[in-house]
């Protein structure tokens, strides 16, 4: 038996989200578990509520794939897939934020240069 973790809709962002996926107790439990793990691992920059919100959005955006994943492989594989998607999304956002200079840093730099 070969299990493939290919997300076929990865390149396309769906126009709508299917929030009914959260009625599945396994999906809700996995979202909470992934969010707890991320808030523990990245606690200084990502709080539990924010991680949970991101996880729920990811699941709702790809509800058909999540249903198939749970049906075919169970909650364990969903946990791994969701962790990877959340890590990709969060790290990308963190990179974008770190590339920006804060107002205070820009002001201090300007003051040091005498402008």
N, C-alpha and C. Protein backbone atom coordinates (compact mmCIF):
# COMPACT_ATOMS: atom_id res chain seq x y z
N UNK A 1 0.84 -1.18 0.00
CA UNK A 1 0.00 0.00 0.00
C UNK A 1 0.89 1.24 0.00
N UNK A 2 0.67 2.12 -0.95
CA UNK A 2 1.43 3.36 -1.05
C UNK A 2 0.52 4.53 -0.77
N UNK A 3 0.99 5.41 0.11
CA UNK A 3 0.22 6.59 0.45
C UNK A 3 0.93 7.81 -0.13
N UNK A 4 0.19 8.60 -0.86
CA UNK A 4 0.75 9.78 -1.49
C UNK A 4 0.18 11.04 -0.84
N UNK A 5 1.04 11.97 -0.48
CA UNK A 5 0.61 13.21 0.14
C UNK A 5 0.60 14.36 -0.86
N UNK A 6 0.14 14.12 -2.03
CA UNK A 6 0.11 15.15 -3.06
C UNK A 6 -1.20 15.90 -2.95
N UNK A 7 -1.10 17.21 -2.81
CA UNK A 7 -2.27 18.07 -2.78
C UNK A 7 -2.46 18.60 -4.19
N UNK A 8 -3.41 18.06 -4.91
CA UNK A 8 -3.59 18.40 -6.31
C UNK A 8 -4.06 19.84 -6.51
N UNK A 9 -4.72 20.42 -5.53
CA UNK A 9 -5.23 21.78 -5.64
C UNK A 9 -4.28 22.81 -5.04
N UNK A 10 -3.05 22.44 -4.80
CA UNK A 10 -2.11 23.32 -4.11
C UNK A 10 -1.87 24.61 -4.88
N UNK A 11 -1.81 24.57 -6.20
CA UNK A 11 -1.50 25.76 -6.97
C UNK A 11 -2.69 26.70 -7.09
N UNK A 12 -3.89 26.18 -6.91
CA UNK A 12 -5.09 27.00 -7.04
C UNK A 12 -5.74 27.21 -5.69
N UNK A 13 -6.04 28.45 -5.38
CA UNK A 13 -6.75 28.76 -4.14
C UNK A 13 -8.24 28.73 -4.43
N UNK A 14 -8.99 27.95 -3.67
CA UNK A 14 -10.42 27.88 -3.92
C UNK A 14 -11.11 29.21 -3.61
N UNK A 15 -12.17 29.49 -4.34
CA UNK A 15 -12.90 30.74 -4.16
C UNK A 15 -13.76 30.70 -2.91
N UNK A 16 -14.16 29.52 -2.48
CA UNK A 16 -15.03 29.40 -1.31
C UNK A 16 -14.43 28.41 -0.32
N UNK A 17 -14.94 28.47 0.88
CA UNK A 17 -14.52 27.54 1.92
C UNK A 17 -15.73 26.73 2.37
N UNK A 18 -15.52 25.47 2.66
CA UNK A 18 -16.58 24.58 3.12
C UNK A 18 -16.42 24.38 4.62
N UNK A 19 -17.13 25.17 5.40
CA UNK A 19 -16.98 25.15 6.86
C UNK A 19 -17.65 23.93 7.48
N UNK A 20 -18.45 23.18 6.72
CA UNK A 20 -19.10 22.00 7.28
C UNK A 20 -18.10 20.91 7.63
N UNK A 21 -16.90 20.99 7.08
CA UNK A 21 -15.86 20.01 7.38
C UNK A 21 -15.53 19.99 8.88
N UNK A 22 -15.75 21.11 9.55
CA UNK A 22 -15.43 21.20 10.98
C UNK A 22 -16.41 20.44 11.85
N UNK A 23 -17.52 19.98 11.27
CA UNK A 23 -18.47 19.17 12.03
C UNK A 23 -17.93 17.77 12.30
N UNK A 24 -16.95 17.35 11.53
CA UNK A 24 -16.32 16.03 11.73
C UNK A 24 -15.43 16.11 12.97
N UNK A 25 -15.71 15.30 13.99
CA UNK A 25 -14.93 15.37 15.23
C UNK A 25 -13.44 15.09 15.04
N UNK A 26 -13.10 14.21 14.09
CA UNK A 26 -11.69 13.93 13.84
C UNK A 26 -10.97 15.16 13.29
N UNK A 27 -11.61 15.86 12.39
CA UNK A 27 -11.01 17.04 11.78
C UNK A 27 -10.83 18.13 12.83
N UNK A 28 -11.85 18.36 13.64
CA UNK A 28 -11.74 19.38 14.69
C UNK A 28 -10.64 19.03 15.68
N UNK A 29 -10.56 17.78 16.06
CA UNK A 29 -9.53 17.33 16.99
C UNK A 29 -8.13 17.51 16.42
N UNK A 30 -7.95 17.18 15.16
CA UNK A 30 -6.65 17.35 14.52
C UNK A 30 -6.28 18.83 14.44
N UNK A 31 -7.23 19.68 14.09
CA UNK A 31 -6.97 21.13 14.04
C UNK A 31 -6.48 21.63 15.39
N UNK A 32 -7.14 21.21 16.45
CA UNK A 32 -6.75 21.65 17.80
C UNK A 32 -5.37 21.10 18.18
N UNK A 33 -5.10 19.86 17.83
CA UNK A 33 -3.81 19.25 18.16
C UNK A 33 -2.67 19.94 17.41
N UNK A 34 -2.87 20.22 16.15
CA UNK A 34 -1.85 20.90 15.36
C UNK A 34 -1.62 22.31 15.91
N UNK A 35 -2.69 23.01 16.24
CA UNK A 35 -2.57 24.37 16.80
C UNK A 35 -1.82 24.36 18.13
N UNK A 36 -2.11 23.36 18.97
CA UNK A 36 -1.39 23.25 20.25
C UNK A 36 0.10 23.04 20.01
N UNK A 37 0.43 22.18 19.06
CA UNK A 37 1.83 21.92 18.75
C UNK A 37 2.54 23.16 18.25
N UNK A 38 1.89 23.90 17.38
CA UNK A 38 2.51 25.11 16.85
C UNK A 38 2.65 26.18 17.91
N UNK A 39 1.65 26.32 18.76
CA UNK A 39 1.76 27.34 19.82
C UNK A 39 2.84 26.96 20.82
N UNK A 40 3.08 25.68 20.99
CA UNK A 40 4.16 25.23 21.87
C UNK A 40 5.52 25.46 21.21
N UNK A 41 5.64 25.11 19.93
CA UNK A 41 6.91 25.22 19.23
C UNK A 41 7.28 26.65 18.86
N UNK A 42 6.28 27.45 18.51
CA UNK A 42 6.51 28.83 18.07
C UNK A 42 5.80 29.81 18.99
N UNK A 43 5.77 29.52 20.27
CA UNK A 43 4.99 30.28 21.23
C UNK A 43 5.31 31.76 21.32
N UNK A 44 6.52 32.14 20.98
CA UNK A 44 6.87 33.56 21.07
C UNK A 44 6.27 34.37 19.94
N UNK A 45 5.92 33.72 18.84
CA UNK A 45 5.40 34.46 17.69
C UNK A 45 4.03 34.00 17.21
N UNK A 46 3.56 32.86 17.65
CA UNK A 46 2.28 32.34 17.19
C UNK A 46 1.51 31.78 18.38
N UNK A 47 0.39 32.40 18.69
CA UNK A 47 -0.44 31.96 19.81
C UNK A 47 -1.40 30.86 19.35
N UNK A 48 -1.94 30.13 20.33
CA UNK A 48 -2.82 29.00 20.05
C UNK A 48 -4.02 29.42 19.20
N UNK A 49 -4.68 30.50 19.58
CA UNK A 49 -5.88 30.93 18.87
C UNK A 49 -5.57 31.26 17.40
N UNK A 50 -4.44 31.91 17.17
CA UNK A 50 -4.05 32.24 15.81
C UNK A 50 -3.72 30.98 15.00
N UNK A 51 -3.01 30.06 15.62
CA UNK A 51 -2.67 28.80 14.95
C UNK A 51 -3.94 28.00 14.64
N UNK A 52 -4.88 27.98 15.58
CA UNK A 52 -6.14 27.27 15.37
C UNK A 52 -6.92 27.90 14.22
N UNK A 53 -6.98 29.22 14.20
CA UNK A 53 -7.69 29.91 13.12
C UNK A 53 -7.07 29.58 11.77
N UNK A 54 -5.76 29.60 11.68
CA UNK A 54 -5.09 29.27 10.42
C UNK A 54 -5.36 27.81 10.01
N UNK A 55 -5.31 26.90 10.97
CA UNK A 55 -5.56 25.49 10.68
C UNK A 55 -6.98 25.28 10.16
N UNK A 56 -7.94 25.94 10.79
CA UNK A 56 -9.34 25.81 10.39
C UNK A 56 -9.54 26.36 8.98
N UNK A 57 -8.89 27.47 8.68
CA UNK A 57 -9.01 28.05 7.34
C UNK A 57 -8.43 27.11 6.29
N UNK A 58 -7.28 26.54 6.57
CA UNK A 58 -6.65 25.60 5.63
C UNK A 58 -7.56 24.42 5.37
N UNK A 59 -8.14 23.86 6.43
CA UNK A 59 -9.02 22.71 6.29
C UNK A 59 -10.27 23.07 5.50
N UNK A 60 -10.86 24.22 5.79
CA UNK A 60 -12.09 24.62 5.10
C UNK A 60 -11.83 24.92 3.62
N UNK A 61 -10.66 25.46 3.31
CA UNK A 61 -10.33 25.77 1.92
C UNK A 61 -10.14 24.51 1.08
N UNK A 62 -9.74 23.45 1.71
CA UNK A 62 -9.48 22.20 0.97
C UNK A 62 -10.32 21.05 1.52
N UNK A 63 -11.56 21.33 1.80
CA UNK A 63 -12.46 20.36 2.43
C UNK A 63 -12.59 19.04 1.67
N UNK A 64 -12.76 19.03 0.33
CA UNK A 64 -12.88 17.74 -0.36
C UNK A 64 -11.63 16.88 -0.18
N UNK A 65 -10.47 17.50 -0.26
CA UNK A 65 -9.23 16.75 -0.08
C UNK A 65 -9.11 16.22 1.34
N UNK A 66 -9.51 17.04 2.32
CA UNK A 66 -9.44 16.63 3.72
C UNK A 66 -10.38 15.45 3.97
N UNK A 67 -11.58 15.51 3.42
CA UNK A 67 -12.52 14.39 3.58
C UNK A 67 -11.94 13.10 2.99
N UNK A 68 -11.34 13.23 1.81
CA UNK A 68 -10.73 12.05 1.18
C UNK A 68 -9.59 11.52 2.02
N UNK A 69 -8.78 12.41 2.55
CA UNK A 69 -7.63 12.02 3.36
C UNK A 69 -8.08 11.28 4.62
N UNK A 70 -9.09 11.81 5.30
CA UNK A 70 -9.59 11.17 6.52
C UNK A 70 -10.21 9.81 6.20
N UNK A 71 -10.96 9.75 5.12
CA UNK A 71 -11.61 8.49 4.73
C UNK A 71 -10.58 7.43 4.35
N UNK A 72 -9.60 7.82 3.57
CA UNK A 72 -8.63 6.86 3.06
C UNK A 72 -7.56 6.48 4.09
N UNK A 73 -7.11 7.46 4.87
CA UNK A 73 -5.93 7.22 5.69
C UNK A 73 -6.08 7.53 7.17
N UNK A 74 -7.11 8.25 7.55
CA UNK A 74 -7.34 8.52 8.97
C UNK A 74 -6.75 9.83 9.46
N UNK A 75 -6.92 10.05 10.74
CA UNK A 75 -6.54 11.32 11.36
C UNK A 75 -5.03 11.53 11.43
N UNK A 76 -4.26 10.46 11.50
CA UNK A 76 -2.81 10.60 11.60
C UNK A 76 -2.20 11.27 10.38
N UNK A 77 -2.64 10.86 9.21
CA UNK A 77 -2.13 11.46 7.99
C UNK A 77 -2.65 12.89 7.83
N UNK A 78 -3.89 13.14 8.26
CA UNK A 78 -4.42 14.50 8.24
C UNK A 78 -3.58 15.41 9.13
N UNK A 79 -3.17 14.90 10.29
CA UNK A 79 -2.32 15.68 11.20
C UNK A 79 -1.02 16.07 10.51
N UNK A 80 -0.40 15.12 9.86
CA UNK A 80 0.86 15.41 9.18
C UNK A 80 0.67 16.41 8.04
N UNK A 81 -0.35 16.20 7.22
CA UNK A 81 -0.62 17.08 6.09
C UNK A 81 -0.93 18.50 6.57
N UNK A 82 -1.78 18.61 7.60
CA UNK A 82 -2.16 19.92 8.11
C UNK A 82 -0.96 20.62 8.75
N UNK A 83 -0.13 19.89 9.44
CA UNK A 83 1.08 20.48 10.03
C UNK A 83 1.98 21.05 8.94
N UNK A 84 2.12 20.32 7.85
CA UNK A 84 2.95 20.81 6.74
C UNK A 84 2.36 22.05 6.10
N UNK A 85 1.05 22.05 5.88
CA UNK A 85 0.40 23.22 5.27
C UNK A 85 0.49 24.44 6.19
N UNK A 86 0.27 24.24 7.48
CA UNK A 86 0.34 25.35 8.43
C UNK A 86 1.76 25.87 8.54
N UNK A 87 2.72 24.98 8.57
CA UNK A 87 4.13 25.40 8.63
C UNK A 87 4.49 26.20 7.38
N UNK A 88 4.09 25.73 6.21
CA UNK A 88 4.37 26.45 4.97
C UNK A 88 3.75 27.84 5.01
N UNK A 89 2.49 27.92 5.40
CA UNK A 89 1.79 29.20 5.42
C UNK A 89 2.38 30.14 6.47
N UNK A 90 2.65 29.62 7.66
CA UNK A 90 3.14 30.47 8.74
C UNK A 90 4.57 30.93 8.47
N UNK A 91 5.44 30.04 8.00
CA UNK A 91 6.82 30.43 7.73
C UNK A 91 6.90 31.44 6.60
N UNK A 92 6.05 31.30 5.59
CA UNK A 92 6.03 32.28 4.51
C UNK A 92 5.63 33.64 5.04
N UNK A 93 4.61 33.68 5.86
CA UNK A 93 4.18 34.96 6.45
C UNK A 93 5.26 35.53 7.36
N UNK A 94 5.91 34.68 8.14
CA UNK A 94 6.97 35.15 9.04
C UNK A 94 8.14 35.73 8.24
N UNK A 95 8.48 35.12 7.12
CA UNK A 95 9.55 35.65 6.27
C UNK A 95 9.18 37.04 5.74
N UNK A 96 7.94 37.19 5.33
CA UNK A 96 7.50 38.48 4.80
C UNK A 96 7.55 39.55 5.90
N UNK A 97 7.11 39.18 7.10
CA UNK A 97 7.14 40.14 8.21
C UNK A 97 8.55 40.52 8.58
N UNK A 98 9.48 39.57 8.57
CA UNK A 98 10.84 39.85 8.99
C UNK A 98 11.58 40.70 7.96
N UNK A 99 11.10 40.71 6.72
CA UNK A 99 11.75 41.51 5.68
C UNK A 99 11.41 42.99 5.79
N UNK A 100 10.36 43.32 6.55
CA UNK A 100 9.95 44.71 6.71
C UNK A 100 10.65 45.34 7.90
N UNK A 101 11.02 46.60 7.75
CA UNK A 101 11.64 47.33 8.85
C UNK A 101 10.54 48.02 9.64
N UNK A 102 10.60 47.91 10.94
CA UNK A 102 9.59 48.55 11.77
C UNK A 102 9.76 50.07 11.75
N UNK A 103 8.74 50.76 12.14
CA UNK A 103 8.78 52.22 12.19
C UNK A 103 9.88 52.69 13.13
N UNK A 104 9.98 52.04 14.29
CA UNK A 104 10.98 52.43 15.28
C UNK A 104 12.39 52.24 14.75
N UNK A 105 12.63 51.13 14.07
CA UNK A 105 13.97 50.86 13.52
C UNK A 105 14.30 51.86 12.43
N UNK A 106 13.35 52.20 11.58
CA UNK A 106 13.58 53.18 10.53
C UNK A 106 13.86 54.56 11.13
N UNK A 107 13.12 54.92 12.16
CA UNK A 107 13.33 56.21 12.82
C UNK A 107 14.70 56.29 13.48
N UNK A 108 15.08 55.21 14.16
CA UNK A 108 16.40 55.17 14.81
C UNK A 108 17.52 55.25 13.77
N UNK A 109 17.36 54.56 12.66
CA UNK A 109 18.37 54.62 11.59
C UNK A 109 18.48 56.02 11.02
N UNK A 110 17.34 56.68 10.85
CA UNK A 110 17.35 58.05 10.32
C UNK A 110 18.00 59.02 11.31
N UNK A 111 17.73 58.80 12.60
CA UNK A 111 18.33 59.67 13.61
C UNK A 111 19.84 59.49 13.68
N UNK A 112 20.30 58.27 13.54
CA UNK A 112 21.73 57.99 13.56
C UNK A 112 22.45 58.59 12.35
N UNK A 113 21.77 58.59 11.22
CA UNK A 113 22.39 59.14 10.01
C UNK A 113 22.27 60.66 9.93
N UNK A 114 21.54 61.27 10.87
CA UNK A 114 21.42 62.72 10.94
C UNK A 114 20.39 63.30 9.99
N UNK A 115 19.45 62.51 9.57
CA UNK A 115 18.42 63.04 8.64
C UNK A 115 17.20 63.50 9.36
